[in-house]
């Protein structure tokens, strides 16, 4: 399996310098530890069948101390991607800037001014790092024989990893726009 994913491993290795950014800020006291969900995708929100309004958050077994930025990032990874998590055609994968903007505005409104300036400024990094982390997790599981994530076919985790990697690459292309969206949204709150 290693020979089928060298390009993906190279992509990840080239981003090694980013993986500790948030933890380093946390250790220096620049990012506060909060109670977070740690699995903030839309299918962990129960919706009312009649109104489509959120009723409650579910799957609370992952709740623990962590970084607010990671909850934001995971919601972006899952909810602002233009493709399914296991889309085989990575040309369909991109970050929807309108969805990113909506998520950003909603997240900041929901936090009601409780986030620090550093947390707000690092929201794009949270999106990038949670997406990269998930890609690493899918790739690691693929390399270890698919022991953690349920798969439907032998290359399923590799396809998932490639989707996350494509999303990280697209985020990097749109980085300035992501930062501008966060700056505009934070200014309005």
N, C-alpha and C. Protein backbone atom coordinates (compact mmCIF):
# COMPACT_ATOMS: atom_id res chain seq x y z
N UNK A 1 0.82 -1.21 0.00
CA UNK A 1 0.00 0.00 0.00
C UNK A 1 0.86 1.27 0.00
N UNK A 2 2.01 1.19 0.60
CA UNK A 2 2.89 2.36 0.67
C UNK A 2 3.20 2.91 -0.72
N UNK A 3 3.39 2.04 -1.67
CA UNK A 3 3.73 2.48 -3.03
C UNK A 3 2.57 3.18 -3.73
N UNK A 4 1.36 3.04 -3.21
CA UNK A 4 0.21 3.68 -3.85
C UNK A 4 -0.05 5.10 -3.33
N UNK A 5 0.72 5.53 -2.33
CA UNK A 5 0.40 6.82 -1.72
C UNK A 5 1.64 7.68 -1.43
N UNK A 6 2.67 7.50 -2.17
CA UNK A 6 3.89 8.31 -1.94
C UNK A 6 3.65 9.80 -2.18
N UNK A 7 2.85 10.13 -3.18
CA UNK A 7 2.54 11.53 -3.47
C UNK A 7 1.82 12.17 -2.28
N UNK A 8 0.89 11.45 -1.69
CA UNK A 8 0.15 11.96 -0.53
C UNK A 8 1.07 12.12 0.67
N UNK A 9 1.95 11.18 0.89
CA UNK A 9 2.91 11.28 1.99
C UNK A 9 3.84 12.48 1.81
N UNK A 10 4.27 12.72 0.58
CA UNK A 10 5.11 13.89 0.30
C UNK A 10 4.36 15.19 0.59
N UNK A 11 3.09 15.24 0.21
CA UNK A 11 2.26 16.42 0.47
C UNK A 11 2.22 16.69 1.98
N UNK A 12 1.98 15.66 2.75
CA UNK A 12 1.89 15.79 4.21
C UNK A 12 3.24 16.21 4.79
N UNK A 13 4.30 15.58 4.36
CA UNK A 13 5.64 15.93 4.87
C UNK A 13 5.99 17.39 4.62
N UNK A 14 5.57 17.91 3.48
CA UNK A 14 5.85 19.32 3.16
C UNK A 14 5.09 20.28 4.06
N UNK A 15 4.12 19.79 4.79
CA UNK A 15 3.34 20.64 5.70
C UNK A 15 3.60 20.32 7.16
N UNK A 16 4.66 19.60 7.42
CA UNK A 16 4.99 19.20 8.79
C UNK A 16 5.13 20.40 9.72
N UNK A 17 5.63 21.51 9.21
CA UNK A 17 5.85 22.69 10.06
C UNK A 17 4.56 23.26 10.62
N UNK A 18 3.41 22.92 10.05
CA UNK A 18 2.14 23.45 10.52
C UNK A 18 1.51 22.64 11.65
N UNK A 19 1.87 21.39 11.78
CA UNK A 19 1.09 20.51 12.65
C UNK A 19 1.11 20.91 14.12
N UNK A 20 2.12 21.61 14.58
CA UNK A 20 2.19 22.00 15.99
C UNK A 20 1.81 23.46 16.23
N UNK A 21 1.41 24.18 15.21
CA UNK A 21 1.14 25.61 15.35
C UNK A 21 0.13 25.89 16.47
N UNK A 22 -1.01 25.23 16.44
CA UNK A 22 -2.05 25.50 17.44
C UNK A 22 -1.63 25.03 18.82
N UNK A 23 -1.00 23.86 18.90
CA UNK A 23 -0.54 23.37 20.21
C UNK A 23 0.53 24.27 20.79
N UNK A 24 1.40 24.79 19.95
CA UNK A 24 2.43 25.73 20.43
C UNK A 24 1.78 26.99 20.99
N UNK A 25 0.78 27.51 20.30
CA UNK A 25 0.07 28.69 20.79
C UNK A 25 -0.66 28.38 22.11
N UNK A 26 -1.22 27.19 22.20
CA UNK A 26 -1.89 26.78 23.44
C UNK A 26 -0.89 26.70 24.58
N UNK A 27 0.24 26.07 24.34
CA UNK A 27 1.26 25.94 25.39
C UNK A 27 1.79 27.29 25.85
N UNK A 28 1.84 28.26 24.96
CA UNK A 28 2.31 29.61 25.33
C UNK A 28 1.19 30.43 25.97
N UNK A 29 0.01 29.85 26.10
CA UNK A 29 -1.10 30.56 26.72
C UNK A 29 -1.83 31.50 25.79
N UNK A 30 -1.55 31.44 24.50
CA UNK A 30 -2.18 32.35 23.54
C UNK A 30 -3.52 31.83 23.02
N UNK A 31 -3.77 30.54 23.18
CA UNK A 31 -5.06 29.95 22.82
C UNK A 31 -5.61 29.24 24.06
N UNK A 32 -6.78 29.64 24.53
CA UNK A 32 -7.33 29.00 25.73
C UNK A 32 -7.92 27.62 25.44
N UNK A 33 -7.83 26.76 26.43
CA UNK A 33 -8.48 25.46 26.36
C UNK A 33 -9.94 25.67 26.78
N UNK A 34 -10.83 25.11 26.01
CA UNK A 34 -12.27 25.23 26.27
C UNK A 34 -12.89 23.84 26.20
N UNK A 35 -14.15 23.75 26.55
CA UNK A 35 -14.88 22.50 26.36
C UNK A 35 -15.37 22.51 24.91
N UNK A 36 -14.98 21.48 24.16
CA UNK A 36 -15.32 21.41 22.74
C UNK A 36 -15.91 20.06 22.39
N UNK A 37 -16.59 20.00 21.27
CA UNK A 37 -17.27 18.78 20.82
C UNK A 37 -16.31 17.77 20.20
N UNK A 38 -15.41 18.23 19.36
CA UNK A 38 -14.40 17.40 18.69
C UNK A 38 -14.92 16.52 17.55
N UNK A 39 -16.16 16.71 17.13
CA UNK A 39 -16.68 15.99 15.96
C UNK A 39 -17.83 16.80 15.38
N UNK A 40 -17.52 18.02 14.96
CA UNK A 40 -18.54 19.00 14.62
C UNK A 40 -18.97 18.95 13.16
N UNK A 41 -19.45 17.80 12.74
CA UNK A 41 -20.00 17.73 11.39
C UNK A 41 -21.52 17.77 11.48
N UNK A 42 -22.14 18.11 10.38
CA UNK A 42 -23.58 18.37 10.36
C UNK A 42 -24.39 17.16 10.79
N UNK A 43 -23.90 15.95 10.55
CA UNK A 43 -24.69 14.78 10.96
C UNK A 43 -24.62 14.53 12.46
N UNK A 44 -23.95 15.40 13.20
CA UNK A 44 -24.00 15.35 14.67
C UNK A 44 -24.87 16.46 15.24
N UNK A 45 -25.73 17.01 14.37
CA UNK A 45 -26.75 17.97 14.80
C UNK A 45 -28.10 17.36 14.44
N UNK A 46 -28.96 17.20 15.46
CA UNK A 46 -30.30 16.67 15.21
C UNK A 46 -31.16 17.82 14.69
N UNK A 47 -31.82 17.58 13.55
CA UNK A 47 -32.65 18.60 12.92
C UNK A 47 -34.12 18.22 13.02
N UNK A 48 -34.97 19.21 13.20
CA UNK A 48 -36.41 19.01 13.22
C UNK A 48 -36.88 18.69 11.80
N UNK A 49 -37.64 17.63 11.64
CA UNK A 49 -38.09 17.20 10.30
C UNK A 49 -38.97 18.24 9.62
N UNK A 50 -39.75 18.96 10.40
CA UNK A 50 -40.69 19.93 9.82
C UNK A 50 -39.99 21.25 9.45
N UNK A 51 -39.12 21.74 10.32
CA UNK A 51 -38.55 23.08 10.14
C UNK A 51 -37.10 23.08 9.67
N UNK A 52 -36.44 21.94 9.73
CA UNK A 52 -35.01 21.83 9.44
C UNK A 52 -34.15 22.66 10.39
N UNK A 53 -34.71 23.09 11.49
CA UNK A 53 -33.96 23.85 12.50
C UNK A 53 -33.22 22.87 13.41
N UNK A 54 -32.06 23.31 13.87
CA UNK A 54 -31.28 22.48 14.80
C UNK A 54 -32.04 22.32 16.11
N UNK A 55 -32.12 21.08 16.59
CA UNK A 55 -32.78 20.78 17.85
C UNK A 55 -31.75 20.62 18.96
N UNK A 56 -30.70 19.86 18.65
CA UNK A 56 -29.64 19.65 19.64
C UNK A 56 -28.41 19.03 18.97
N UNK A 57 -27.32 19.10 19.68
CA UNK A 57 -26.08 18.46 19.24
C UNK A 57 -26.07 17.06 19.81
N UNK A 58 -25.62 16.09 19.01
CA UNK A 58 -25.55 14.70 19.46
C UNK A 58 -24.11 14.20 19.35
N UNK A 59 -23.92 12.93 19.68
CA UNK A 59 -22.60 12.29 19.65
C UNK A 59 -21.66 12.98 20.62
N UNK A 60 -22.10 13.07 21.87
CA UNK A 60 -21.37 13.83 22.88
C UNK A 60 -20.23 13.05 23.54
N UNK A 61 -19.97 11.84 23.09
CA UNK A 61 -18.87 11.06 23.68
C UNK A 61 -17.50 11.65 23.37
N UNK A 62 -17.44 12.59 22.44
CA UNK A 62 -16.16 13.21 22.06
C UNK A 62 -15.92 14.54 22.78
N UNK A 63 -16.88 14.99 23.59
CA UNK A 63 -16.75 16.28 24.29
C UNK A 63 -15.66 16.18 25.34
N UNK A 64 -14.76 17.18 25.32
CA UNK A 64 -13.65 17.22 26.29
C UNK A 64 -12.94 18.56 26.14
N UNK A 65 -11.99 18.84 27.00
CA UNK A 65 -11.21 20.08 26.84
C UNK A 65 -10.43 20.06 25.52
N UNK A 66 -10.37 21.21 24.87
CA UNK A 66 -9.64 21.31 23.61
C UNK A 66 -9.69 22.74 23.10
N UNK A 67 -9.45 22.90 21.82
CA UNK A 67 -9.40 24.22 21.20
C UNK A 67 -10.66 24.48 20.38
N UNK A 68 -11.23 25.66 20.58
CA UNK A 68 -12.42 26.05 19.81
C UNK A 68 -12.13 26.02 18.31
N UNK A 69 -10.91 26.35 17.98
CA UNK A 69 -10.49 26.39 16.58
C UNK A 69 -10.63 25.02 15.91
N UNK A 70 -10.42 23.97 16.67
CA UNK A 70 -10.55 22.63 16.11
C UNK A 70 -12.01 22.30 15.79
N UNK A 71 -12.94 22.74 16.66
CA UNK A 71 -14.35 22.52 16.35
C UNK A 71 -14.74 23.29 15.08
N UNK A 72 -14.30 24.53 15.00
CA UNK A 72 -14.57 25.31 13.79
C UNK A 72 -13.97 24.60 12.57
N UNK A 73 -12.71 24.21 12.69
CA UNK A 73 -12.01 23.60 11.58
C UNK A 73 -12.65 22.32 11.08
N UNK A 74 -13.11 21.49 12.01
CA UNK A 74 -13.75 20.24 11.59
C UNK A 74 -15.07 20.51 10.90
N UNK A 75 -15.80 21.52 11.36
CA UNK A 75 -17.06 21.85 10.69
C UNK A 75 -16.81 22.36 9.28
N UNK A 76 -15.73 23.10 9.08
CA UNK A 76 -15.37 23.57 7.74
C UNK A 76 -14.95 22.40 6.86
N UNK A 77 -14.10 21.54 7.41
CA UNK A 77 -13.62 20.37 6.67
C UNK A 77 -14.78 19.56 6.11
N UNK A 78 -15.79 19.40 6.90
CA UNK A 78 -16.92 18.57 6.50
C UNK A 78 -17.99 19.37 5.75
N UNK A 79 -18.28 20.57 6.23
CA UNK A 79 -19.44 21.29 5.73
C UNK A 79 -19.20 22.29 4.63
N UNK A 80 -17.96 22.72 4.42
CA UNK A 80 -17.71 23.71 3.36
C UNK A 80 -16.96 23.09 2.18
N UNK A 81 -16.86 21.78 2.18
CA UNK A 81 -16.27 21.04 1.07
C UNK A 81 -17.34 20.87 0.00
N UNK A 82 -17.01 21.12 -1.24
CA UNK A 82 -17.97 20.99 -2.34
C UNK A 82 -18.21 19.54 -2.75
N UNK A 83 -17.48 18.62 -2.15
CA UNK A 83 -17.60 17.21 -2.52
C UNK A 83 -17.79 16.35 -1.27
N UNK A 84 -18.20 15.13 -1.51
CA UNK A 84 -18.34 14.17 -0.41
C UNK A 84 -16.97 13.82 0.16
N UNK A 85 -16.96 13.37 1.39
CA UNK A 85 -15.71 13.02 2.06
C UNK A 85 -14.95 11.91 1.34
N UNK A 86 -15.66 11.11 0.59
CA UNK A 86 -15.01 10.01 -0.13
C UNK A 86 -15.19 10.12 -1.65
N UNK A 87 -15.21 11.35 -2.14
CA UNK A 87 -15.31 11.60 -3.58
C UNK A 87 -14.05 11.09 -4.27
N UNK A 88 -14.22 10.24 -5.27
CA UNK A 88 -13.06 9.68 -5.97
C UNK A 88 -12.46 10.65 -6.98
N UNK A 89 -13.26 11.60 -7.47
CA UNK A 89 -12.77 12.58 -8.43
C UNK A 89 -12.39 13.85 -7.66
N UNK A 90 -11.09 13.98 -7.34
CA UNK A 90 -10.66 15.11 -6.51
C UNK A 90 -10.81 16.45 -7.22
N UNK A 91 -11.07 16.46 -8.51
CA UNK A 91 -11.31 17.73 -9.19
C UNK A 91 -12.63 18.36 -8.72
N UNK A 92 -13.47 17.59 -8.08
CA UNK A 92 -14.73 18.10 -7.54
C UNK A 92 -14.56 18.69 -6.14
N UNK A 93 -13.39 18.51 -5.56
CA UNK A 93 -13.14 18.93 -4.18
C UNK A 93 -12.65 20.37 -4.16
N UNK A 94 -13.34 21.20 -3.40
CA UNK A 94 -12.86 22.57 -3.17
C UNK A 94 -13.54 23.14 -1.93
N UNK A 95 -12.96 24.20 -1.43
CA UNK A 95 -13.54 24.92 -0.31
C UNK A 95 -14.55 25.91 -0.87
N UNK A 96 -15.79 25.80 -0.46
CA UNK A 96 -16.80 26.77 -0.86
C UNK A 96 -16.62 28.01 0.00
N UNK A 97 -16.19 29.10 -0.61
CA UNK A 97 -16.00 30.34 0.15
C UNK A 97 -17.33 30.88 0.69
N UNK A 98 -18.45 30.79 -0.04
CA UNK A 98 -19.72 31.22 0.56
C UNK A 98 -20.08 30.40 1.81
N UNK A 99 -19.87 29.10 1.76
CA UNK A 99 -20.14 28.28 2.94
C UNK A 99 -19.15 28.60 4.06
N UNK A 100 -17.89 28.80 3.71
CA UNK A 100 -16.90 29.18 4.71
C UNK A 100 -17.33 30.48 5.40
N UNK A 101 -17.80 31.42 4.61
CA UNK A 101 -18.25 32.70 5.18
C UNK A 101 -19.45 32.50 6.09
N UNK A 102 -20.42 31.70 5.65
CA UNK A 102 -21.60 31.44 6.48
C UNK A 102 -21.22 30.76 7.79
N UNK A 103 -20.37 29.75 7.71
CA UNK A 103 -19.92 29.05 8.91
C UNK A 103 -19.19 30.02 9.84
N UNK A 104 -18.33 30.85 9.27
CA UNK A 104 -17.56 31.79 10.07
C UNK A 104 -18.48 32.76 10.80
N UNK A 105 -19.41 33.35 10.07
CA UNK A 105 -20.36 34.28 10.69
C UNK A 105 -21.18 33.59 11.78
N UNK A 106 -21.67 32.40 11.48
CA UNK A 106 -22.47 31.67 12.45
C UNK A 106 -21.68 31.27 13.69
N UNK A 107 -20.46 30.83 13.47
CA UNK A 107 -19.60 30.42 14.59
C UNK A 107 -19.30 31.62 15.49
N UNK A 108 -18.93 32.73 14.88
CA UNK A 108 -18.62 33.92 15.67
C UNK A 108 -19.86 34.44 16.39
N UNK A 109 -21.00 34.40 15.73
CA UNK A 109 -22.24 34.83 16.38
C UNK A 109 -22.57 33.91 17.55
N UNK A 110 -22.42 32.61 17.35
CA UNK A 110 -22.70 31.65 18.41
C UNK A 110 -21.76 31.78 19.60
N UNK A 111 -20.55 32.18 19.33
CA UNK A 111 -19.57 32.37 20.41
C UNK A 111 -19.78 33.69 21.14
N UNK A 112 -20.58 34.57 20.57
CA UNK A 112 -21.03 35.80 21.23
C UNK A 112 -19.90 36.60 21.87
N UNK A 113 -18.80 36.76 21.15
CA UNK A 113 -17.71 37.59 21.65
C UNK A 113 -16.81 36.93 22.68
N UNK A 114 -16.98 35.64 22.91
CA UNK A 114 -16.18 34.96 23.94
C UNK A 114 -14.80 34.51 23.45
N UNK A 115 -14.58 34.54 22.15
CA UNK A 115 -13.29 34.10 21.61
C UNK A 115 -12.24 35.20 21.75
N UNK A 116 -11.02 34.78 21.97
CA UNK A 116 -9.92 35.75 22.01
C UNK A 116 -9.57 36.17 20.59
N UNK A 117 -8.84 37.24 20.49
CA UNK A 117 -8.40 37.72 19.17
C UNK A 117 -7.58 36.64 18.45
N UNK A 118 -6.71 35.95 19.20
CA UNK A 118 -5.88 34.90 18.59
C UNK A 118 -6.75 33.75 18.08
N UNK A 119 -7.78 33.38 18.82
CA UNK A 119 -8.68 32.32 18.35
C UNK A 119 -9.33 32.71 17.03
N UNK A 120 -9.82 33.93 16.96
CA UNK A 120 -10.49 34.39 15.74
C UNK A 120 -9.49 34.41 14.58
N UNK A 121 -8.33 34.97 14.80
CA UNK A 121 -7.33 35.06 13.73
C UNK A 121 -6.88 33.69 13.24
N UNK A 122 -6.93 32.69 14.11
CA UNK A 122 -6.45 31.35 13.74
C UNK A 122 -7.55 30.45 13.16
N UNK A 123 -8.74 30.97 12.95
CA UNK A 123 -9.82 30.14 12.40
C UNK A 123 -9.44 29.49 11.07
N UNK A 124 -8.85 30.23 10.11
CA UNK A 124 -8.44 29.55 8.88
C UNK A 124 -7.43 28.42 9.13
N UNK A 125 -6.51 28.65 10.05
CA UNK A 125 -5.53 27.61 10.37
C UNK A 125 -6.22 26.39 10.97
N UNK A 126 -7.24 26.61 11.79
CA UNK A 126 -7.99 25.49 12.33
C UNK A 126 -8.63 24.66 11.23
N UNK A 127 -9.17 25.34 10.22
CA UNK A 127 -9.77 24.61 9.09
C UNK A 127 -8.72 23.80 8.35
N UNK A 128 -7.60 24.42 8.10
CA UNK A 128 -6.53 23.73 7.36
C UNK A 128 -5.99 22.54 8.17
N UNK A 129 -5.72 22.77 9.44
CA UNK A 129 -5.10 21.71 10.24
C UNK A 129 -6.05 20.56 10.53
N UNK A 130 -7.31 20.84 10.76
CA UNK A 130 -8.25 19.73 10.99
C UNK A 130 -8.43 18.90 9.72
N UNK A 131 -8.40 19.56 8.58
CA UNK A 131 -8.51 18.85 7.30
C UNK A 131 -7.25 18.02 7.06
N UNK A 132 -6.10 18.61 7.32
CA UNK A 132 -4.84 17.88 7.16
C UNK A 132 -4.78 16.70 8.13
N UNK A 133 -5.18 16.94 9.38
CA UNK A 133 -5.17 15.85 10.37
C UNK A 133 -6.06 14.70 9.95
N UNK A 134 -7.24 15.03 9.45
CA UNK A 134 -8.15 13.97 9.03
C UNK A 134 -7.56 13.21 7.84
N UNK A 135 -6.94 13.94 6.92
CA UNK A 135 -6.28 13.27 5.81
C UNK A 135 -5.18 12.34 6.29
N UNK A 136 -4.41 12.79 7.26
CA UNK A 136 -3.35 11.95 7.84
C UNK A 136 -3.96 10.72 8.50
N UNK A 137 -5.05 10.89 9.21
CA UNK A 137 -5.69 9.76 9.89
C UNK A 137 -6.22 8.73 8.88
N UNK A 138 -6.85 9.22 7.80
CA UNK A 138 -7.34 8.30 6.77
C UNK A 138 -6.17 7.57 6.12
N UNK A 139 -5.10 8.30 5.83
CA UNK A 139 -3.94 7.68 5.18
C UNK A 139 -3.26 6.67 6.11
N UNK A 140 -3.13 7.02 7.37
CA UNK A 140 -2.53 6.10 8.34
C UNK A 140 -3.36 4.83 8.45
N UNK A 141 -4.67 4.97 8.49
CA UNK A 141 -5.53 3.79 8.58
C UNK A 141 -5.41 2.94 7.33
N UNK A 142 -5.34 3.59 6.19
CA UNK A 142 -5.14 2.86 4.93
C UNK A 142 -3.84 2.05 4.99
N UNK A 143 -2.77 2.70 5.45
CA UNK A 143 -1.47 2.03 5.51
C UNK A 143 -1.45 0.90 6.55
N UNK A 144 -2.28 1.00 7.57
CA UNK A 144 -2.31 -0.03 8.61
C UNK A 144 -3.35 -1.12 8.34
N UNK A 145 -3.96 -1.08 7.16
CA UNK A 145 -4.89 -2.14 6.78
C UNK A 145 -6.33 -1.87 7.14
N UNK A 146 -6.71 -0.60 7.27
CA UNK A 146 -8.11 -0.23 7.49
C UNK A 146 -8.67 -0.82 8.79
N UNK A 147 -8.02 -0.51 9.87
CA UNK A 147 -8.42 -1.07 11.16
C UNK A 147 -9.32 -0.14 11.98
N UNK A 148 -9.39 1.13 11.63
CA UNK A 148 -10.17 2.07 12.45
C UNK A 148 -11.46 2.51 11.74
N UNK A 149 -11.33 3.11 10.58
CA UNK A 149 -12.50 3.60 9.85
C UNK A 149 -13.14 2.46 9.06
N UNK A 150 -14.46 2.43 9.06
CA UNK A 150 -15.16 1.44 8.25
C UNK A 150 -14.97 1.79 6.79
N UNK A 151 -14.73 0.77 5.98
CA UNK A 151 -14.51 0.99 4.55
C UNK A 151 -15.47 0.14 3.73
N UNK A 152 -15.76 0.63 2.53
CA UNK A 152 -16.65 -0.08 1.62
C UNK A 152 -15.88 -0.81 0.53
N UNK A 153 -14.60 -0.47 0.36
CA UNK A 153 -13.77 -1.10 -0.66
C UNK A 153 -12.31 -0.89 -0.25
N UNK A 154 -11.38 -1.65 -0.83
CA UNK A 154 -9.99 -1.63 -0.35
C UNK A 154 -9.29 -0.27 -0.35
N UNK A 155 -9.58 0.61 -1.29
CA UNK A 155 -8.91 1.91 -1.36
C UNK A 155 -9.73 3.04 -0.74
N UNK A 156 -10.77 2.71 -0.01
CA UNK A 156 -11.69 3.72 0.51
C UNK A 156 -10.96 4.77 1.36
N UNK A 157 -10.12 4.35 2.29
CA UNK A 157 -9.40 5.31 3.13
C UNK A 157 -8.38 6.12 2.33
N UNK A 158 -7.80 5.54 1.31
CA UNK A 158 -6.89 6.29 0.44
C UNK A 158 -7.67 7.37 -0.31
N UNK A 159 -8.84 7.04 -0.80
CA UNK A 159 -9.69 8.02 -1.48
C UNK A 159 -10.06 9.13 -0.50
N UNK A 160 -10.43 8.78 0.72
CA UNK A 160 -10.76 9.79 1.73
C UNK A 160 -9.55 10.70 2.00
N UNK A 161 -8.38 10.09 2.13
CA UNK A 161 -7.16 10.88 2.38
C UNK A 161 -6.92 11.85 1.22
N UNK A 162 -7.08 11.36 0.01
CA UNK A 162 -6.86 12.22 -1.16
C UNK A 162 -7.85 13.38 -1.20
N UNK A 163 -9.08 13.14 -0.77
CA UNK A 163 -10.08 14.20 -0.73
C UNK A 163 -9.67 15.28 0.27
N UNK A 164 -9.21 14.86 1.43
CA UNK A 164 -8.78 15.83 2.45
C UNK A 164 -7.55 16.61 1.97
N UNK A 165 -6.65 15.93 1.34
CA UNK A 165 -5.44 16.58 0.82
C UNK A 165 -5.80 17.60 -0.25
N UNK A 166 -6.73 17.23 -1.13
CA UNK A 166 -7.16 18.17 -2.17
C UNK A 166 -7.82 19.39 -1.53
N UNK A 167 -8.55 19.19 -0.46
CA UNK A 167 -9.20 20.31 0.21
C UNK A 167 -8.16 21.21 0.88
N UNK A 168 -7.14 20.64 1.49
CA UNK A 168 -6.06 21.45 2.06
C UNK A 168 -5.39 22.27 0.96
N UNK A 169 -5.10 21.64 -0.15
CA UNK A 169 -4.46 22.35 -1.26
C UNK A 169 -5.33 23.51 -1.74
N UNK A 170 -6.64 23.30 -1.81
CA UNK A 170 -7.53 24.37 -2.24
C UNK A 170 -7.59 25.49 -1.19
N UNK A 171 -7.58 25.11 0.08
CA UNK A 171 -7.54 26.13 1.13
C UNK A 171 -6.28 26.99 1.01
N UNK A 172 -5.19 26.36 0.71
CA UNK A 172 -3.94 27.11 0.55
C UNK A 172 -4.04 28.10 -0.60
N UNK A 173 -4.72 27.72 -1.67
CA UNK A 173 -4.93 28.62 -2.80
C UNK A 173 -5.83 29.80 -2.41
N UNK A 174 -6.76 29.55 -1.51
CA UNK A 174 -7.76 30.55 -1.12
C UNK A 174 -7.44 31.19 0.23
N UNK A 175 -6.21 31.02 0.71
CA UNK A 175 -5.84 31.44 2.06
C UNK A 175 -6.14 32.92 2.32
N UNK A 176 -5.74 33.79 1.43
CA UNK A 176 -5.99 35.21 1.62
C UNK A 176 -7.47 35.53 1.72
N UNK A 177 -8.27 34.87 0.89
CA UNK A 177 -9.72 35.08 0.93
C UNK A 177 -10.30 34.58 2.24
N UNK A 178 -9.80 33.45 2.74
CA UNK A 178 -10.27 32.93 4.03
C UNK A 178 -9.96 33.93 5.15
N UNK A 179 -8.75 34.44 5.15
CA UNK A 179 -8.37 35.42 6.18
C UNK A 179 -9.22 36.68 6.08
N UNK A 180 -9.50 37.14 4.87
CA UNK A 180 -10.34 38.32 4.70
C UNK A 180 -11.76 38.09 5.19
N UNK A 181 -12.30 36.91 4.93
CA UNK A 181 -13.65 36.57 5.39
C UNK A 181 -13.69 36.61 6.92
N UNK A 182 -12.69 36.02 7.55
CA UNK A 182 -12.65 36.01 9.02
C UNK A 182 -12.51 37.43 9.56
N UNK A 183 -11.67 38.23 8.94
CA UNK A 183 -11.47 39.61 9.39
C UNK A 183 -12.78 40.40 9.28
N UNK A 184 -13.45 40.27 8.15
CA UNK A 184 -14.73 40.99 7.96
C UNK A 184 -15.78 40.51 8.96
N UNK A 185 -15.87 39.21 9.15
CA UNK A 185 -16.88 38.65 10.05
C UNK A 185 -16.59 39.04 11.50
N UNK A 186 -15.33 39.07 11.88
CA UNK A 186 -15.00 39.41 13.27
C UNK A 186 -15.20 40.89 13.53
N UNK A 187 -15.00 41.70 12.49
CA UNK A 187 -15.20 43.15 12.63
C UNK A 187 -16.67 43.46 12.88
N UNK A 188 -17.56 42.65 12.27
CA UNK A 188 -18.99 42.91 12.39
C UNK A 188 -19.57 42.37 13.70
N UNK A 189 -18.75 41.65 14.49
CA UNK A 189 -19.26 41.13 15.77
C UNK A 189 -18.69 41.89 16.92
